[in-house]
Amino acid sequence: MSSKSVAVITFSTRTPRVGPEVAALVKEALEKDAEASDLQLSPVDVADFKLPVFDEPVIPAMVPAAASFSHQHSIAWSDEIKKHAAYVLVIPEYNYGMAGGTKNAIDYLKNEWTGKPAVIVSYGIKGGTSASEQLEHSLNLMGLRIAATRPALAFAENRGPEMETPTFGGKIGPKTREDWLEKGTVEILKAFGELKELLSQEPPPPKEH
């Protein structure tokens, strides 16, 4: 039997951005555990799909039972998300909340997400806890199964990456990286353990509306 795929999704889409480096660090922290558990970690970057503000003529909840997407970017995003068994969602916090690009990417789909387990890993000046809480609330009501542990990675000394490097080029500062590898990895692995437990369980039946 082939191993299950867990997508590690970078949700930041702006330029410049540090999201890909954060997601790479998270993936690195999980690799040994994933391999030992016969799980395949698959990097996914929302920016690669170039999703505009939702522009389909159909409601996501209708796909695929009663409708189909018409735009190639929607089809590609749907195909990507539905092929994974679970998700590690690496999200930024901007201005004390969930980024618009994060919410837009989530809202493009419904049935592709529903019933599947996910871990939320946030990052920001204070760790991105507000964005994490907002996303957790939304995803729970959408029917995803969210790991109780939600790692929140704060930049060292409450300073953003643009203040840690002479010219911000999407790099995590050395002190932040050290802190995250030392302390953040513990929380990331704890959350991944919860994700594996959720993966081993049968998803609940869909709620009737």
N, C-alpha and C. Protein backbone atom coordinates (compact mmCIF):
# COMPACT_ATOMS: atom_id res chain seq x y z
N MET A 1 0.85 -1.19 0.00
CA MET A 1 0.00 0.00 0.00
C MET A 1 0.88 1.24 0.00
N SER A 2 0.58 2.21 -0.86
CA SER A 2 1.40 3.42 -0.94
C SER A 2 1.20 4.28 0.30
N SER A 3 2.23 5.05 0.64
CA SER A 3 2.16 5.90 1.82
C SER A 3 1.21 7.06 1.58
N LYS A 4 0.63 7.56 2.66
CA LYS A 4 -0.28 8.70 2.56
C LYS A 4 0.53 9.99 2.42
N SER A 5 -0.04 10.92 1.68
CA SER A 5 0.63 12.21 1.46
C SER A 5 0.09 13.27 2.41
N VAL A 6 1.01 13.98 3.05
CA VAL A 6 0.66 15.12 3.89
C VAL A 6 1.24 16.37 3.24
N ALA A 7 0.39 17.28 2.83
CA ALA A 7 0.85 18.51 2.19
C ALA A 7 1.33 19.51 3.24
N VAL A 8 2.51 20.06 3.04
CA VAL A 8 3.01 21.17 3.87
C VAL A 8 2.82 22.43 3.02
N ILE A 9 1.81 23.22 3.37
CA ILE A 9 1.37 24.30 2.49
C ILE A 9 1.86 25.66 2.96
N THR A 10 2.57 26.36 2.09
CA THR A 10 2.97 27.75 2.32
C THR A 10 1.82 28.64 1.87
N PHE A 11 1.25 29.42 2.80
CA PHE A 11 0.09 30.23 2.46
C PHE A 11 0.42 31.69 2.17
N SER A 12 1.60 32.16 2.51
CA SER A 12 1.93 33.55 2.19
C SER A 12 2.12 33.69 0.69
N THR A 13 1.62 34.78 0.13
CA THR A 13 1.71 34.98 -1.32
C THR A 13 2.35 36.30 -1.70
N ARG A 14 2.56 37.19 -0.75
CA ARG A 14 3.09 38.50 -1.11
C ARG A 14 4.59 38.42 -1.37
N THR A 15 5.13 39.47 -1.99
CA THR A 15 6.57 39.59 -2.22
C THR A 15 7.03 40.92 -1.64
N PRO A 16 8.08 40.94 -0.81
CA PRO A 16 8.86 39.78 -0.35
C PRO A 16 8.08 39.01 0.71
N ARG A 17 8.52 37.80 0.96
CA ARG A 17 7.87 36.95 1.96
C ARG A 17 8.88 35.97 2.54
N VAL A 18 8.62 35.58 3.78
CA VAL A 18 9.49 34.62 4.45
C VAL A 18 8.83 33.24 4.54
N GLY A 19 7.58 33.15 4.05
CA GLY A 19 6.81 31.92 4.18
C GLY A 19 7.49 30.65 3.68
N PRO A 20 8.10 30.68 2.48
CA PRO A 20 8.76 29.45 2.01
C PRO A 20 9.85 28.94 2.95
N GLU A 21 10.59 29.86 3.56
CA GLU A 21 11.63 29.44 4.51
C GLU A 21 11.02 28.84 5.77
N VAL A 22 9.91 29.43 6.23
CA VAL A 22 9.24 28.88 7.41
C VAL A 22 8.72 27.48 7.11
N ALA A 23 8.06 27.32 5.97
CA ALA A 23 7.52 26.01 5.59
C ALA A 23 8.63 24.97 5.44
N ALA A 24 9.77 25.38 4.88
CA ALA A 24 10.89 24.47 4.72
C ALA A 24 11.43 24.02 6.08
N LEU A 25 11.46 24.95 7.03
CA LEU A 25 11.92 24.61 8.38
C LEU A 25 10.95 23.63 9.03
N VAL A 26 9.65 23.88 8.86
CA VAL A 26 8.64 22.97 9.43
C VAL A 26 8.77 21.58 8.81
N LYS A 27 8.90 21.53 7.50
CA LYS A 27 9.04 20.24 6.81
C LYS A 27 10.29 19.50 7.29
N GLU A 28 11.39 20.22 7.44
CA GLU A 28 12.63 19.59 7.92
C GLU A 28 12.45 19.00 9.31
N ALA A 29 11.70 19.71 10.17
CA ALA A 29 11.48 19.22 11.53
C ALA A 29 10.66 17.92 11.55
N LEU A 30 9.86 17.72 10.51
CA LEU A 30 8.95 16.57 10.48
C LEU A 30 9.47 15.37 9.71
N GLU A 31 10.52 15.54 8.95
CA GLU A 31 10.91 14.52 7.97
C GLU A 31 11.20 13.15 8.58
N LYS A 32 11.97 13.10 9.65
CA LYS A 32 12.31 11.80 10.25
C LYS A 32 11.06 11.11 10.79
N ASP A 33 10.22 11.87 11.47
CA ASP A 33 8.99 11.31 12.03
C ASP A 33 8.08 10.83 10.92
N ALA A 34 7.95 11.61 9.85
CA ALA A 34 7.09 11.23 8.73
C ALA A 34 7.59 9.95 8.07
N GLU A 35 8.88 9.86 7.86
CA GLU A 35 9.46 8.69 7.21
C GLU A 35 9.23 7.44 8.05
N ALA A 36 9.42 7.59 9.36
CA ALA A 36 9.22 6.46 10.26
C ALA A 36 7.76 6.02 10.31
N SER A 37 6.86 6.94 9.99
CA SER A 37 5.42 6.65 10.02
C SER A 37 4.86 6.34 8.65
N ASP A 38 5.75 6.21 7.65
CA ASP A 38 5.33 5.91 6.27
C ASP A 38 4.38 6.98 5.73
N LEU A 39 4.72 8.24 6.01
CA LEU A 39 3.96 9.37 5.48
C LEU A 39 4.87 10.19 4.57
N GLN A 40 4.34 10.64 3.47
CA GLN A 40 5.11 11.42 2.50
C GLN A 40 4.76 12.90 2.67
N LEU A 41 5.76 13.72 2.95
CA LEU A 41 5.56 15.17 3.07
C LEU A 41 5.70 15.80 1.68
N SER A 42 4.67 16.54 1.28
CA SER A 42 4.65 17.12 -0.07
C SER A 42 4.54 18.64 0.04
N PRO A 43 5.59 19.38 -0.34
CA PRO A 43 5.52 20.84 -0.27
C PRO A 43 4.55 21.41 -1.31
N VAL A 44 3.73 22.36 -0.89
CA VAL A 44 2.77 23.03 -1.76
C VAL A 44 2.86 24.53 -1.46
N ASP A 45 2.89 25.35 -2.49
CA ASP A 45 2.99 26.81 -2.32
C ASP A 45 1.79 27.46 -3.00
N VAL A 46 0.94 28.10 -2.21
CA VAL A 46 -0.25 28.75 -2.76
C VAL A 46 0.12 29.75 -3.85
N ALA A 47 1.25 30.43 -3.69
CA ALA A 47 1.65 31.45 -4.67
C ALA A 47 1.81 30.88 -6.07
N ASP A 48 2.15 29.60 -6.17
CA ASP A 48 2.34 28.98 -7.49
C ASP A 48 1.04 28.90 -8.29
N PHE A 49 -0.09 28.96 -7.61
CA PHE A 49 -1.39 28.78 -8.27
C PHE A 49 -2.00 30.11 -8.75
N LYS A 50 -1.43 31.22 -8.29
CA LYS A 50 -1.86 32.56 -8.74
C LYS A 50 -3.38 32.70 -8.68
N LEU A 51 -3.93 32.44 -7.51
CA LEU A 51 -5.38 32.50 -7.33
C LEU A 51 -5.84 33.95 -7.19
N PRO A 52 -6.71 34.42 -8.08
CA PRO A 52 -7.31 35.73 -7.87
C PRO A 52 -8.36 35.64 -6.76
N VAL A 53 -8.92 36.77 -6.36
CA VAL A 53 -10.08 36.70 -5.47
C VAL A 53 -11.12 35.81 -6.17
N PHE A 54 -11.75 34.92 -5.42
CA PHE A 54 -12.58 33.86 -5.99
C PHE A 54 -13.43 34.37 -7.15
N ASP A 55 -13.28 33.74 -8.32
CA ASP A 55 -13.92 34.24 -9.53
C ASP A 55 -14.69 33.17 -10.30
N GLU A 56 -15.08 32.10 -9.61
CA GLU A 56 -15.85 31.05 -10.26
C GLU A 56 -17.34 31.37 -10.27
N PRO A 57 -18.08 30.91 -11.27
CA PRO A 57 -19.52 31.14 -11.30
C PRO A 57 -20.31 30.14 -10.46
N VAL A 58 -19.61 29.21 -9.80
CA VAL A 58 -20.28 28.20 -8.98
C VAL A 58 -19.81 28.32 -7.54
N ILE A 59 -20.60 27.79 -6.64
CA ILE A 59 -20.26 27.78 -5.22
C ILE A 59 -19.37 26.57 -4.94
N PRO A 60 -18.25 26.74 -4.18
CA PRO A 60 -17.35 25.61 -3.94
C PRO A 60 -18.02 24.37 -3.37
N ALA A 61 -19.03 24.54 -2.54
CA ALA A 61 -19.70 23.39 -1.93
C ALA A 61 -20.42 22.52 -2.96
N MET A 62 -20.68 23.06 -4.15
CA MET A 62 -21.39 22.31 -5.19
C MET A 62 -20.47 21.40 -6.00
N VAL A 63 -19.16 21.61 -5.86
CA VAL A 63 -18.17 20.86 -6.65
C VAL A 63 -17.69 19.65 -5.83
N PRO A 64 -17.73 18.43 -6.38
CA PRO A 64 -18.04 18.05 -7.75
C PRO A 64 -19.45 17.51 -7.96
N ALA A 65 -20.25 17.43 -6.90
CA ALA A 65 -21.53 16.73 -7.01
C ALA A 65 -22.50 17.39 -7.99
N ALA A 66 -22.54 18.73 -7.98
CA ALA A 66 -23.56 19.41 -8.78
C ALA A 66 -22.99 20.45 -9.75
N ALA A 67 -21.68 20.63 -9.74
CA ALA A 67 -21.08 21.65 -10.61
C ALA A 67 -19.60 21.36 -10.78
N SER A 68 -18.96 22.12 -11.69
CA SER A 68 -17.52 21.97 -11.94
C SER A 68 -16.89 23.35 -12.02
N PHE A 69 -15.61 23.42 -11.67
CA PHE A 69 -14.87 24.67 -11.84
C PHE A 69 -14.61 24.92 -13.32
N SER A 70 -14.54 26.20 -13.69
CA SER A 70 -14.33 26.54 -15.10
C SER A 70 -12.94 27.11 -15.37
N HIS A 71 -12.27 27.67 -14.37
CA HIS A 71 -10.97 28.30 -14.58
C HIS A 71 -9.83 27.33 -14.25
N GLN A 72 -8.75 27.42 -15.03
CA GLN A 72 -7.65 26.50 -14.86
C GLN A 72 -7.01 26.63 -13.48
N HIS A 73 -6.91 27.85 -12.93
CA HIS A 73 -6.29 27.99 -11.61
C HIS A 73 -7.13 27.30 -10.53
N SER A 74 -8.44 27.34 -10.66
CA SER A 74 -9.31 26.66 -9.69
C SER A 74 -9.18 25.15 -9.82
N ILE A 75 -9.16 24.67 -11.05
CA ILE A 75 -9.04 23.23 -11.29
C ILE A 75 -7.72 22.70 -10.74
N ALA A 76 -6.63 23.45 -11.00
CA ALA A 76 -5.31 23.03 -10.53
C ALA A 76 -5.25 23.00 -9.01
N TRP A 77 -5.82 24.02 -8.36
CA TRP A 77 -5.81 24.09 -6.90
C TRP A 77 -6.66 22.97 -6.31
N SER A 78 -7.81 22.72 -6.88
CA SER A 78 -8.67 21.64 -6.43
C SER A 78 -7.97 20.29 -6.57
N ASP A 79 -7.35 20.05 -7.72
CA ASP A 79 -6.67 18.78 -7.96
C ASP A 79 -5.53 18.56 -6.96
N GLU A 80 -4.82 19.65 -6.64
CA GLU A 80 -3.71 19.55 -5.69
C GLU A 80 -4.20 19.18 -4.31
N ILE A 81 -5.18 19.89 -3.83
CA ILE A 81 -5.63 19.71 -2.45
C ILE A 81 -6.32 18.36 -2.25
N LYS A 82 -7.10 17.90 -3.21
CA LYS A 82 -7.85 16.67 -2.99
C LYS A 82 -6.96 15.42 -3.00
N LYS A 83 -5.73 15.52 -3.51
CA LYS A 83 -4.89 14.33 -3.57
C LYS A 83 -4.14 14.03 -2.28
N HIS A 84 -4.21 14.93 -1.30
CA HIS A 84 -3.49 14.74 -0.02
C HIS A 84 -4.45 14.24 1.06
N ALA A 85 -3.92 13.42 1.95
CA ALA A 85 -4.72 12.85 3.03
C ALA A 85 -4.83 13.78 4.23
N ALA A 86 -3.88 14.70 4.37
CA ALA A 86 -3.85 15.61 5.51
C ALA A 86 -2.99 16.82 5.16
N TYR A 87 -3.00 17.82 6.04
CA TYR A 87 -2.33 19.07 5.72
C TYR A 87 -1.60 19.66 6.93
N VAL A 88 -0.44 20.26 6.65
CA VAL A 88 0.23 21.14 7.61
C VAL A 88 0.15 22.53 6.99
N LEU A 89 -0.64 23.40 7.59
CA LEU A 89 -0.92 24.71 7.03
C LEU A 89 -0.01 25.75 7.68
N VAL A 90 0.92 26.29 6.92
CA VAL A 90 1.90 27.25 7.45
C VAL A 90 1.42 28.64 7.06
N ILE A 91 0.92 29.38 8.06
CA ILE A 91 0.22 30.63 7.76
C ILE A 91 0.91 31.84 8.41
N PRO A 92 0.93 32.98 7.70
CA PRO A 92 1.44 34.21 8.30
C PRO A 92 0.33 34.96 9.02
N GLU A 93 0.73 35.87 9.89
CA GLU A 93 -0.22 36.83 10.47
C GLU A 93 0.17 38.22 10.02
N TYR A 94 -0.78 38.94 9.42
CA TYR A 94 -0.56 40.32 9.00
C TYR A 94 -1.55 41.20 9.76
N ASN A 95 -1.04 42.26 10.37
CA ASN A 95 -1.91 43.23 11.05
C ASN A 95 -2.88 42.56 12.01
N TYR A 96 -2.35 41.61 12.79
CA TYR A 96 -3.09 40.98 13.88
C TYR A 96 -4.24 40.09 13.40
N GLY A 97 -4.10 39.53 12.21
CA GLY A 97 -5.15 38.64 11.74
C GLY A 97 -4.70 37.75 10.60
N MET A 98 -5.62 36.90 10.14
CA MET A 98 -5.36 36.00 9.03
C MET A 98 -5.17 36.80 7.75
N ALA A 99 -4.19 36.42 6.95
CA ALA A 99 -3.94 37.10 5.68
C ALA A 99 -5.08 36.84 4.71
N GLY A 100 -5.38 37.84 3.87
CA GLY A 100 -6.44 37.69 2.89
C GLY A 100 -6.18 36.55 1.92
N GLY A 101 -4.91 36.37 1.53
CA GLY A 101 -4.56 35.29 0.62
C GLY A 101 -4.82 33.92 1.21
N THR A 102 -4.63 33.79 2.53
CA THR A 102 -4.90 32.53 3.21
C THR A 102 -6.39 32.21 3.14
N LYS A 103 -7.21 33.17 3.52
CA LYS A 103 -8.67 32.95 3.53
C LYS A 103 -9.18 32.69 2.12
N ASN A 104 -8.66 33.41 1.15
CA ASN A 104 -9.10 33.22 -0.24
C ASN A 104 -8.79 31.81 -0.72
N ALA A 105 -7.58 31.33 -0.45
CA ALA A 105 -7.19 29.98 -0.88
C ALA A 105 -8.04 28.92 -0.21
N ILE A 106 -8.33 29.10 1.07
CA ILE A 106 -9.20 28.16 1.78
C ILE A 106 -10.59 28.17 1.16
N ASP A 107 -11.11 29.38 0.90
CA ASP A 107 -12.50 29.52 0.45
C ASP A 107 -12.73 29.09 -1.00
N TYR A 108 -11.68 28.88 -1.76
CA TYR A 108 -11.83 28.38 -3.12
C TYR A 108 -12.45 26.98 -3.13
N LEU A 109 -12.27 26.23 -2.05
CA LEU A 109 -12.65 24.82 -2.03
C LEU A 109 -13.53 24.54 -0.82
N LYS A 110 -14.25 23.42 -0.87
CA LYS A 110 -15.03 22.97 0.28
C LYS A 110 -14.88 21.46 0.46
N ASN A 111 -15.38 20.69 -0.51
CA ASN A 111 -15.38 19.24 -0.36
C ASN A 111 -13.99 18.62 -0.41
N GLU A 112 -13.04 19.31 -1.04
CA GLU A 112 -11.66 18.81 -1.07
C GLU A 112 -11.04 18.80 0.34
N TRP A 113 -11.48 19.73 1.20
CA TRP A 113 -10.94 19.85 2.56
C TRP A 113 -11.69 18.98 3.57
N THR A 114 -13.00 18.91 3.42
CA THR A 114 -13.89 18.41 4.48
C THR A 114 -13.52 17.01 4.95
N GLY A 115 -13.47 16.86 6.28
CA GLY A 115 -13.22 15.57 6.90
C GLY A 115 -11.76 15.24 7.11
N LYS A 116 -10.87 16.01 6.50
CA LYS A 116 -9.45 15.68 6.57
C LYS A 116 -8.78 16.35 7.77
N PRO A 117 -7.70 15.73 8.30
CA PRO A 117 -6.98 16.31 9.43
C PRO A 117 -6.01 17.40 8.97
N ALA A 118 -5.76 18.35 9.87
CA ALA A 118 -4.82 19.42 9.56
C ALA A 118 -4.15 19.93 10.83
N VAL A 119 -2.93 20.40 10.65
CA VAL A 119 -2.19 21.12 11.68
C VAL A 119 -2.05 22.56 11.21
N ILE A 120 -2.25 23.50 12.11
CA ILE A 120 -2.02 24.91 11.80
C ILE A 120 -0.72 25.34 12.47
N VAL A 121 0.23 25.82 11.67
CA VAL A 121 1.48 26.39 12.18
C VAL A 121 1.49 27.85 11.75
N SER A 122 1.48 28.76 12.71
CA SER A 122 1.46 30.19 12.39
C SER A 122 2.80 30.83 12.73
N TYR A 123 3.05 31.98 12.12
CA TYR A 123 4.26 32.74 12.44
C TYR A 123 3.96 34.23 12.31
N GLY A 124 4.73 35.02 13.08
CA GLY A 124 4.54 36.47 13.06
C GLY A 124 5.30 37.11 14.20
N ILE A 125 5.13 38.41 14.34
CA ILE A 125 5.84 39.13 15.40
C ILE A 125 5.58 38.50 16.77
N LYS A 126 4.32 38.15 17.03
CA LYS A 126 3.95 37.51 18.30
C LYS A 126 3.63 36.03 18.11
N GLY A 127 3.99 35.48 16.97
CA GLY A 127 3.74 34.07 16.72
C GLY A 127 2.52 33.79 15.85
N GLY A 128 1.75 34.83 15.55
CA GLY A 128 0.60 34.62 14.67
C GLY A 128 -0.59 33.97 15.34
N THR A 129 -0.73 34.14 16.65
CA THR A 129 -1.79 33.44 17.38
C THR A 129 -3.19 33.90 16.97
N SER A 130 -3.35 35.18 16.64
CA SER A 130 -4.67 35.65 16.22
C SER A 130 -5.08 35.01 14.90
N ALA A 131 -4.16 34.95 13.95
CA ALA A 131 -4.44 34.30 12.66
C ALA A 131 -4.75 32.82 12.87
N SER A 132 -4.01 32.18 13.75
CA SER A 132 -4.21 30.76 14.03
C SER A 132 -5.59 30.51 14.61
N GLU A 133 -6.01 31.35 15.55
CA GLU A 133 -7.33 31.20 16.16
C GLU A 133 -8.44 31.40 15.13
N GLN A 134 -8.27 32.40 14.27
CA GLN A 134 -9.28 32.66 13.25
C GLN A 134 -9.41 31.49 12.27
N LEU A 135 -8.26 30.97 11.84
CA LEU A 135 -8.30 29.87 10.89
C LEU A 135 -8.84 28.60 11.53
N GLU A 136 -8.45 28.34 12.76
CA GLU A 136 -8.94 27.15 13.47
C GLU A 136 -10.47 27.18 13.59
N HIS A 137 -11.01 28.34 13.92
CA HIS A 137 -12.47 28.49 14.03
C HIS A 137 -13.14 28.20 12.70
N SER A 138 -12.61 28.77 11.64
CA SER A 138 -13.19 28.60 10.31
C SER A 138 -13.12 27.15 9.84
N LEU A 139 -11.94 26.53 9.99
CA LEU A 139 -11.76 25.16 9.50
C LEU A 139 -12.59 24.14 10.28
N ASN A 140 -12.71 24.36 11.58
CA ASN A 140 -13.54 23.46 12.38
C ASN A 140 -14.98 23.45 11.88
N LEU A 141 -15.51 24.63 11.61
CA LEU A 141 -16.88 24.73 11.13
C LEU A 141 -17.02 24.21 9.71
N MET A 142 -15.93 24.18 8.94
CA MET A 142 -15.95 23.62 7.59
C MET A 142 -15.89 22.09 7.60
N GLY A 143 -15.62 21.51 8.77
CA GLY A 143 -15.62 20.07 8.88
C GLY A 143 -14.25 19.42 8.84
N LEU A 144 -13.17 20.22 8.87
CA LEU A 144 -11.84 19.62 8.99
C LEU A 144 -11.62 19.20 10.44
N ARG A 145 -10.65 18.32 10.64
CA ARG A 145 -10.30 17.86 11.98
C ARG A 145 -8.93 18.45 12.33
N ILE A 146 -8.94 19.40 13.26
CA ILE A 146 -7.75 20.21 13.53
C ILE A 146 -7.02 19.71 14.77
N ALA A 147 -5.71 19.52 14.64
CA ALA A 147 -4.89 19.13 15.79
C ALA A 147 -4.99 20.18 16.88
N ALA A 148 -5.09 19.72 18.12
CA ALA A 148 -5.26 20.64 19.25
C ALA A 148 -4.06 21.56 19.43
N THR A 149 -2.87 21.03 19.18
CA THR A 149 -1.65 21.84 19.30
C THR A 149 -1.46 22.64 18.03
N ARG A 150 -1.36 23.97 18.19
CA ARG A 150 -1.15 24.85 17.04
C ARG A 150 0.13 25.66 17.28
N PRO A 151 1.27 25.17 16.79
CA PRO A 151 2.53 25.87 17.02
C PRO A 151 2.47 27.32 16.51
N ALA A 152 2.98 28.23 17.33
CA ALA A 152 3.01 29.65 16.98
C ALA A 152 4.46 30.13 17.06
N LEU A 153 5.04 30.41 15.91
CA LEU A 153 6.47 30.74 15.82
C LEU A 153 6.65 32.25 15.81
N ALA A 154 7.20 32.77 16.90
CA ALA A 154 7.41 34.21 17.02
C ALA A 154 8.83 34.58 16.61
N PHE A 155 8.97 35.69 15.91
CA PHE A 155 10.29 36.17 15.55
C PHE A 155 11.05 36.61 16.80
N ALA A 156 12.36 36.39 16.80
CA ALA A 156 13.20 36.68 17.97
C ALA A 156 13.05 38.14 18.39
N GLU A 157 12.90 38.35 19.69
CA GLU A 157 12.82 39.69 20.28
C GLU A 157 11.69 40.51 19.68
N ASN A 158 10.64 39.79 19.24
CA ASN A 158 9.45 40.44 18.67
C ASN A 158 9.78 41.36 17.51
N ARG A 159 10.75 40.95 16.68
CA ARG A 159 11.13 41.74 15.51
C ARG A 159 10.90 40.91 14.25
N GLY A 160 10.37 41.55 13.25
CA GLY A 160 10.14 40.85 11.99
C GLY A 160 11.43 40.58 11.27
N PRO A 161 11.40 39.71 10.27
CA PRO A 161 12.62 39.33 9.55
C PRO A 161 13.27 40.50 8.83
N GLU A 162 12.46 41.51 8.43
CA GLU A 162 13.05 42.66 7.74
C GLU A 162 13.94 43.47 8.66
N MET A 163 13.78 43.29 9.99
CA MET A 163 14.61 44.00 10.94
C MET A 163 15.81 43.17 11.38
N GLU A 164 15.85 41.91 10.97
CA GLU A 164 16.93 41.03 11.37
C GLU A 164 18.04 40.95 10.33
N THR A 165 17.75 41.38 9.11
CA THR A 165 18.74 41.30 8.05
C THR A 165 18.91 42.67 7.41
N PRO A 166 20.10 43.01 6.93
CA PRO A 166 20.34 44.34 6.37
C PRO A 166 19.38 44.69 5.24
N THR A 167 19.11 43.75 4.35
CA THR A 167 18.13 43.96 3.28
C THR A 167 17.23 42.75 3.26
N PHE A 168 15.95 42.97 3.55
CA PHE A 168 15.03 41.84 3.69
C PHE A 168 14.89 41.11 2.37
N GLY A 169 15.27 39.85 2.36
CA GLY A 169 15.17 39.05 1.15
C GLY A 169 14.45 37.75 1.39
N GLY A 170 13.48 37.76 2.31
CA GLY A 170 12.73 36.54 2.59
C GLY A 170 13.52 35.53 3.38
N LYS A 171 14.38 36.00 4.27
CA LYS A 171 15.23 35.10 5.07
C LYS A 171 14.86 35.19 6.54
N ILE A 172 14.88 34.04 7.20
CA ILE A 172 14.70 34.02 8.65
C ILE A 172 16.02 34.42 9.30
N GLY A 173 15.96 35.33 10.25
CA GLY A 173 17.17 35.75 10.94
C GLY A 173 17.78 34.62 11.75
N PRO A 174 19.09 34.67 12.02
CA PRO A 174 19.78 33.56 12.70
C PRO A 174 19.25 33.28 14.11
N LYS A 175 18.92 34.34 14.85
CA LYS A 175 18.42 34.13 16.22
C LYS A 175 17.03 33.49 16.18
N THR A 176 16.20 33.95 15.26
CA THR A 176 14.87 33.35 15.10
C THR A 176 14.99 31.88 14.73
N ARG A 177 15.85 31.57 13.77
CA ARG A 177 16.03 30.18 13.35
C ARG A 177 16.48 29.31 14.53
N GLU A 178 17.41 29.82 15.31
CA GLU A 178 17.90 29.07 16.47
C GLU A 178 16.77 28.81 17.46
N ASP A 179 15.96 29.85 17.73
CA ASP A 179 14.84 29.70 18.67
C ASP A 179 13.83 28.69 18.16
N TRP A 180 13.52 28.76 16.88
CA TRP A 180 12.50 27.86 16.33
C TRP A 180 12.99 26.42 16.30
N LEU A 181 14.26 26.21 15.97
CA LEU A 181 14.78 24.85 15.94
C LEU A 181 14.84 24.25 17.34
N GLU A 182 15.09 25.10 18.34
CA GLU A 182 15.22 24.61 19.71
C GLU A 182 13.85 24.40 20.37
N LYS A 183 12.99 25.42 20.28
CA LYS A 183 11.71 25.37 21.00
C LYS A 183 10.54 25.01 20.08
N GLY A 184 10.55 25.57 18.88
CA GLY A 184 9.42 25.36 17.98
C GLY A 184 9.28 23.92 17.53
N THR A 185 10.41 23.24 17.35
CA THR A 185 10.37 21.85 16.87
C THR A 185 9.58 20.95 17.81
N VAL A 186 9.68 21.20 19.10
CA VAL A 186 8.96 20.38 20.08
C VAL A 186 7.45 20.48 19.84
N GLU A 187 6.96 21.71 19.66
CA GLU A 187 5.53 21.91 19.42
C GLU A 187 5.11 21.36 18.06
N ILE A 188 5.95 21.54 17.06
CA ILE A 188 5.64 21.05 15.71
C ILE A 188 5.50 19.53 15.72
N LEU A 189 6.42 18.85 16.39
CA LEU A 189 6.36 17.38 16.46
C LEU A 189 5.16 16.91 17.29
N LYS A 190 4.82 17.65 18.33
CA LYS A 190 3.64 17.31 19.14
C LYS A 190 2.38 17.40 18.28
N ALA A 191 2.27 18.49 17.52
CA ALA A 191 1.11 18.67 16.65
C ALA A 191 1.06 17.58 15.58
N PHE A 192 2.21 17.20 15.06
CA PHE A 192 2.25 16.15 14.03
C PHE A 192 1.81 14.81 14.60
N GLY A 193 2.17 14.55 15.85
CA GLY A 193 1.70 13.33 16.51
C GLY A 193 0.17 13.31 16.60
N GLU A 194 -0.42 14.46 16.89
CA GLU A 194 -1.88 14.55 16.94
C GLU A 194 -2.48 14.36 15.54
N LEU A 195 -1.80 14.89 14.53
CA LEU A 195 -2.26 14.71 13.15
C LEU A 195 -2.26 13.23 12.77
N LYS A 196 -1.22 12.52 13.14
CA LYS A 196 -1.14 11.08 12.84
C LYS A 196 -2.26 10.32 13.53
N GLU A 197 -2.57 10.72 14.74
CA GLU A 197 -3.68 10.07 15.45
C GLU A 197 -5.00 10.32 14.73
N LEU A 198 -5.21 11.55 14.27
CA LEU A 198 -6.42 11.88 13.53
C LEU A 198 -6.49 11.10 12.22
N LEU A 199 -5.34 10.93 11.58
CA LEU A 199 -5.28 10.17 10.33
C LEU A 199 -5.67 8.70 10.53
N SER A 200 -5.39 8.19 11.70
CA SER A 200 -5.68 6.78 11.97
C SER A 200 -7.15 6.54 12.28
N GLN A 201 -7.91 7.60 12.47
CA GLN A 201 -9.32 7.49 12.82
C GLN A 201 -10.19 7.68 11.59
N GLU A 202 -11.35 7.06 11.60
CA GLU A 202 -12.32 7.26 10.53
C GLU A 202 -12.92 8.66 10.66
N PRO A 203 -13.02 9.40 9.56
CA PRO A 203 -13.64 10.73 9.65
C PRO A 203 -15.12 10.61 10.00
N PRO A 204 -15.65 11.58 10.73
CA PRO A 204 -17.08 11.53 11.07
C PRO A 204 -17.93 11.72 9.82
N PRO A 205 -19.17 11.25 9.84
CA PRO A 205 -20.05 11.47 8.68
C PRO A 205 -20.32 12.95 8.49
N PRO A 206 -20.52 13.40 7.26
CA PRO A 206 -20.77 14.82 7.02
C PRO A 206 -22.04 15.28 7.72
N LYS A 207 -22.03 16.52 8.19
CA LYS A 207 -23.19 17.06 8.87
C LYS A 207 -24.30 17.38 7.88
N GLU A 208 -25.52 17.13 8.30
CA GLU A 208 -26.66 17.48 7.46
C GLU A 208 -27.02 18.95 7.70
N HIS A 209 -27.34 19.64 6.64
CA HIS A 209 -27.68 21.06 6.74
C HIS A 209 -29.19 21.25 6.68
